[in-house]
Amino acid sequence: MQVKKVATYVLVAFVAFYLFSRPTQAADAVNGVFDGVLNGANQLATFFSRVLN
């Protein structure tokens, strides 16, 4: 259980460091993740609408 807690703290520290040292690249990365999620949701919606029709 301690390893999971330490790994979580390390991950949070890395994200905070990345946000403060490279804010533009961090924003681009977040936009890329959101674009990927939205694209996946749109593809699923297309799939289900074609299956049901």
Protein backbone atom coordinates (compact mmCIF):
# COMPACT_ATOMS: atom_id res chain seq x y z
CA MET A 1 0.00 0.00 0.00
CA GLN A 2 2.90 2.39 0.69
CA VAL A 3 4.29 1.93 -2.81
CA LYS A 4 1.00 3.06 -4.33
CA LYS A 5 0.94 6.14 -2.10
CA VAL A 6 4.52 7.08 -2.97
CA ALA A 7 3.89 6.50 -6.68
CA THR A 8 0.85 8.79 -6.50
CA TYR A 9 2.89 11.54 -4.84
CA VAL A 10 5.65 11.20 -7.42
CA LEU A 11 3.13 11.40 -10.26
CA VAL A 12 1.47 14.50 -8.78
CA ALA A 13 4.87 16.13 -8.28
CA PHE A 14 5.85 15.36 -11.88
CA VAL A 15 2.61 16.81 -13.24
CA ALA A 16 3.01 19.96 -11.13
CA PHE A 17 6.62 20.36 -12.28
CA TYR A 18 5.58 19.86 -15.92
CA LEU A 19 2.76 22.42 -15.60
CA PHE A 20 5.03 25.07 -14.10
CA SER A 21 8.08 24.48 -16.29
CA ARG A 22 6.31 24.01 -19.66
CA PRO A 23 2.77 25.39 -19.51
CA THR A 24 2.29 25.62 -23.28
CA GLN A 25 3.27 22.01 -23.90
CA ALA A 26 1.14 20.88 -20.94
CA ALA A 27 -1.88 22.68 -22.39
CA ASP A 28 -1.24 21.08 -25.78
CA ALA A 29 -1.05 17.65 -24.14
CA VAL A 30 -4.35 18.19 -22.31
CA ASN A 31 -6.00 19.40 -25.52
CA GLY A 32 -4.72 16.30 -27.30
CA VAL A 33 -6.18 14.02 -24.65
CA PHE A 34 -9.56 15.76 -24.78
CA ASP A 35 -9.56 15.64 -28.57
CA GLY A 36 -8.86 11.92 -28.43
CA VAL A 37 -11.67 11.31 -25.94
CA LEU A 38 -14.12 13.35 -28.00
CA ASN A 39 -13.09 11.58 -31.19
CA GLY A 40 -13.58 8.20 -29.53
CA ALA A 41 -17.01 9.21 -28.24
CA ASN A 42 -18.03 10.39 -31.69
CA GLN A 43 -16.87 7.13 -33.24
CA LEU A 44 -18.85 5.13 -30.67
CA ALA A 45 -21.95 7.22 -31.34
CA THR A 46 -21.56 6.64 -35.07
CA PHE A 47 -21.13 2.91 -34.54
CA PHE A 48 -24.22 2.55 -32.35
CA SER A 49 -26.38 4.73 -34.59
CA ARG A 50 -25.45 2.57 -37.60
CA VAL A 51 -26.03 -0.67 -35.67
CA LEU A 52 -29.48 0.45 -34.54
CA ASN A 53 -30.58 1.60 -38.01
